[in-house]
Amino acid sequence: MENDIVLERISNLKGRLGYEEKKAKKLGFASLYDYMEEKINSENNALNTVIEVKNRSIKSLKKKKKSEQKTCG
């Protein structure tokens, strides 16, 4: 099954196609398609984690009351 997003990204590489092919081989991927698919999946996972962090309720930090300083009378 070919993903349209992956194919679109590969077709838009133009001058960077050779660079991305070399990088895919260096990282041990069988093809440029596999490399781009993994790259898109990792980008999506990173976005999901950022969204999850934003959605978590942030606990407010309780500030300790400073004891009043005694002054010499």
N, C-alpha and C. Protein backbone atom coordinates (compact mmCIF):
# COMPACT_ATOMS: atom_id res chain seq x y z
N MET A 1 0.84 -1.18 0.00
CA MET A 1 0.00 0.00 0.00
C MET A 1 0.88 1.24 0.00
N GLU A 2 0.69 2.09 -0.96
CA GLU A 2 1.50 3.29 -1.06
C GLU A 2 0.73 4.47 -0.47
N ASN A 3 1.44 5.21 0.33
CA ASN A 3 0.86 6.36 0.99
C ASN A 3 1.03 7.58 0.09
N ASP A 4 -0.05 8.30 -0.15
CA ASP A 4 0.00 9.47 -1.03
C ASP A 4 0.89 10.58 -0.45
N ILE A 5 0.91 10.71 0.86
CA ILE A 5 1.71 11.75 1.49
C ILE A 5 3.20 11.49 1.24
N VAL A 6 3.59 10.23 1.35
CA VAL A 6 5.00 9.86 1.13
C VAL A 6 5.37 10.12 -0.32
N LEU A 7 4.52 9.70 -1.23
CA LEU A 7 4.81 9.91 -2.66
C LEU A 7 4.88 11.39 -3.00
N GLU A 8 4.02 12.18 -2.39
CA GLU A 8 4.03 13.62 -2.64
C GLU A 8 5.33 14.25 -2.13
N ARG A 9 5.76 13.84 -0.95
CA ARG A 9 7.02 14.37 -0.40
C ARG A 9 8.21 13.99 -1.28
N ILE A 10 8.22 12.77 -1.76
CA ILE A 10 9.32 12.32 -2.61
C ILE A 10 9.34 13.11 -3.92
N SER A 11 8.16 13.37 -4.49
CA SER A 11 8.12 14.12 -5.74
C SER A 11 8.51 15.59 -5.54
N ASN A 12 8.35 16.10 -4.35
CA ASN A 12 8.70 17.49 -4.07
C ASN A 12 10.16 17.69 -3.68
N LEU A 13 10.94 16.62 -3.59
CA LEU A 13 12.33 16.74 -3.18
C LEU A 13 13.19 17.46 -4.21
N LYS A 14 12.95 17.21 -5.47
CA LYS A 14 13.68 17.80 -6.59
C LYS A 14 15.19 17.73 -6.38
N GLY A 15 15.85 18.81 -6.04
CA GLY A 15 17.30 18.84 -5.92
C GLY A 15 17.85 18.08 -4.73
N ARG A 16 17.04 17.81 -3.74
CA ARG A 16 17.49 17.12 -2.54
C ARG A 16 17.30 15.60 -2.64
N LEU A 17 16.83 15.14 -3.77
CA LEU A 17 16.54 13.71 -3.94
C LEU A 17 17.79 12.86 -3.71
N GLY A 18 18.89 13.24 -4.32
CA GLY A 18 20.14 12.49 -4.16
C GLY A 18 20.61 12.47 -2.72
N TYR A 19 20.52 13.61 -2.07
CA TYR A 19 20.92 13.72 -0.67
C TYR A 19 20.08 12.80 0.22
N GLU A 20 18.77 12.82 0.02
CA GLU A 20 17.88 12.01 0.83
C GLU A 20 18.09 10.52 0.56
N GLU A 21 18.39 10.14 -0.69
CA GLU A 21 18.66 8.74 -1.01
C GLU A 21 19.91 8.26 -0.29
N LYS A 22 20.96 9.08 -0.30
CA LYS A 22 22.20 8.71 0.39
C LYS A 22 21.96 8.58 1.89
N LYS A 23 21.18 9.50 2.43
CA LYS A 23 20.89 9.48 3.86
C LYS A 23 20.10 8.22 4.23
N ALA A 24 19.15 7.84 3.38
CA ALA A 24 18.36 6.64 3.62
C ALA A 24 19.25 5.40 3.62
N LYS A 25 20.18 5.32 2.67
CA LYS A 25 21.10 4.18 2.61
C LYS A 25 21.99 4.15 3.84
N LYS A 26 22.48 5.32 4.24
CA LYS A 26 23.36 5.42 5.39
C LYS A 26 22.66 4.96 6.67
N LEU A 27 21.37 5.27 6.79
CA LEU A 27 20.62 4.88 7.98
C LEU A 27 20.09 3.46 7.91
N GLY A 28 20.32 2.77 6.78
CA GLY A 28 19.98 1.36 6.68
C GLY A 28 18.60 1.04 6.16
N PHE A 29 17.95 1.98 5.50
CA PHE A 29 16.63 1.73 4.94
C PHE A 29 16.78 1.09 3.57
N ALA A 30 15.83 0.21 3.23
CA ALA A 30 15.88 -0.52 1.97
C ALA A 30 15.60 0.40 0.79
N SER A 31 14.76 1.42 1.01
CA SER A 31 14.42 2.32 -0.09
C SER A 31 14.15 3.72 0.45
N LEU A 32 14.11 4.67 -0.45
CA LEU A 32 13.80 6.04 -0.08
C LEU A 32 12.37 6.12 0.45
N TYR A 33 11.49 5.30 -0.12
CA TYR A 33 10.09 5.29 0.32
C TYR A 33 9.99 4.90 1.80
N ASP A 34 10.71 3.85 2.20
CA ASP A 34 10.69 3.41 3.60
C ASP A 34 11.23 4.50 4.52
N TYR A 35 12.28 5.15 4.08
CA TYR A 35 12.88 6.22 4.88
C TYR A 35 11.90 7.38 5.08
N MET A 36 11.26 7.81 4.00
CA MET A 36 10.33 8.93 4.09
C MET A 36 9.11 8.55 4.94
N GLU A 37 8.66 7.31 4.82
CA GLU A 37 7.52 6.86 5.62
C GLU A 37 7.86 6.91 7.11
N GLU A 38 9.04 6.44 7.46
CA GLU A 38 9.48 6.47 8.86
C GLU A 38 9.65 7.91 9.35
N LYS A 39 10.17 8.76 8.49
CA LYS A 39 10.36 10.17 8.84
C LYS A 39 9.02 10.85 9.13
N ILE A 40 8.02 10.60 8.31
CA ILE A 40 6.69 11.18 8.50
C ILE A 40 6.05 10.64 9.78
N ASN A 41 6.20 9.34 10.02
CA ASN A 41 5.65 8.75 11.24
C ASN A 41 6.28 9.34 12.49
N SER A 42 7.58 9.56 12.46
CA SER A 42 8.25 10.14 13.63
C SER A 42 7.82 11.58 13.84
N GLU A 43 7.59 12.33 12.75
CA GLU A 43 7.10 13.70 12.88
C GLU A 43 5.71 13.72 13.51
N ASN A 44 4.86 12.80 13.08
CA ASN A 44 3.51 12.71 13.63
C ASN A 44 3.55 12.34 15.11
N ASN A 45 4.45 11.42 15.48
CA ASN A 45 4.56 11.02 16.88
C ASN A 45 5.04 12.19 17.74
N ALA A 46 5.97 12.97 17.21
CA ALA A 46 6.47 14.12 17.95
C ALA A 46 5.36 15.14 18.16
N LEU A 47 4.55 15.36 17.14
CA LEU A 47 3.43 16.30 17.27
C LEU A 47 2.41 15.80 18.28
N ASN A 48 2.16 14.50 18.27
CA ASN A 48 1.20 13.93 19.22
C ASN A 48 1.66 14.09 20.66
N THR A 49 2.96 13.91 20.89
CA THR A 49 3.46 14.06 22.26
C THR A 49 3.38 15.51 22.71
N VAL A 50 3.63 16.45 21.79
CA VAL A 50 3.52 17.86 22.14
C VAL A 50 2.08 18.21 22.48
N ILE A 51 1.15 17.70 21.72
CA ILE A 51 -0.27 17.95 21.97
C ILE A 51 -0.69 17.35 23.31
N GLU A 52 -0.21 16.15 23.62
CA GLU A 52 -0.55 15.51 24.88
C GLU A 52 -0.04 16.32 26.07
N VAL A 53 1.17 16.84 25.93
CA VAL A 53 1.74 17.64 27.02
C VAL A 53 0.92 18.91 27.23
N LYS A 54 0.47 19.53 26.16
CA LYS A 54 -0.33 20.73 26.28
C LYS A 54 -1.69 20.45 26.89
N ASN A 55 -2.24 19.27 26.62
CA ASN A 55 -3.56 18.91 27.11
C ASN A 55 -3.57 18.50 28.58
N ARG A 56 -2.44 18.11 29.10
CA ARG A 56 -2.38 17.71 30.50
C ARG A 56 -2.66 18.92 31.39
N SER A 57 -3.34 18.65 32.44
CA SER A 57 -3.59 19.75 33.37
C SER A 57 -2.31 20.01 34.16
N ILE A 58 -1.96 21.24 34.24
CA ILE A 58 -0.75 21.62 34.93
C ILE A 58 -1.12 21.94 36.37
N LYS A 59 -0.48 21.24 37.27
CA LYS A 59 -0.76 21.46 38.68
C LYS A 59 -0.10 22.78 39.10
N SER A 60 -0.86 23.56 39.79
CA SER A 60 -0.31 24.83 40.26
C SER A 60 0.57 24.56 41.47
N LEU A 61 1.63 25.27 41.51
CA LEU A 61 2.56 25.12 42.62
C LEU A 61 2.06 25.97 43.78
N LYS A 62 1.98 25.35 44.92
CA LYS A 62 1.56 26.09 46.09
C LYS A 62 2.77 26.83 46.65
N LYS A 63 2.57 28.10 46.85
CA LYS A 63 3.65 28.91 47.40
C LYS A 63 3.56 28.87 48.92
N LYS A 64 4.68 28.71 49.52
CA LYS A 64 4.71 28.70 50.97
C LYS A 64 4.65 30.14 51.46
N LYS A 65 3.86 30.32 52.49
CA LYS A 65 3.78 31.65 53.07
C LYS A 65 5.05 31.91 53.87
N LYS A 66 5.61 33.04 53.62
CA LYS A 66 6.81 33.39 54.37
C LYS A 66 6.38 33.89 55.74
N SER A 67 7.10 33.41 56.72
CA SER A 67 6.76 33.87 58.06
C SER A 67 7.18 35.34 58.18
N GLU A 68 6.37 36.08 58.90
CA GLU A 68 6.67 37.51 59.04
C GLU A 68 7.94 37.67 59.85
N GLN A 69 8.79 38.51 59.37
CA GLN A 69 10.05 38.74 60.08
C GLN A 69 9.82 39.64 61.27
N LYS A 70 10.37 39.24 62.36
CA LYS A 70 10.24 40.02 63.57
C LYS A 70 11.25 41.15 63.53
N THR A 71 10.79 42.30 63.87
CA THR A 71 11.69 43.45 63.90
C THR A 71 11.94 43.84 65.35
N CYS A 72 13.04 44.38 65.54
CA CYS A 72 13.37 44.82 66.91
C CYS A 72 12.53 46.06 67.24
N GLY A 73 11.95 46.08 68.38
CA GLY A 73 11.03 47.14 68.74
C GLY A 73 11.63 48.19 69.49
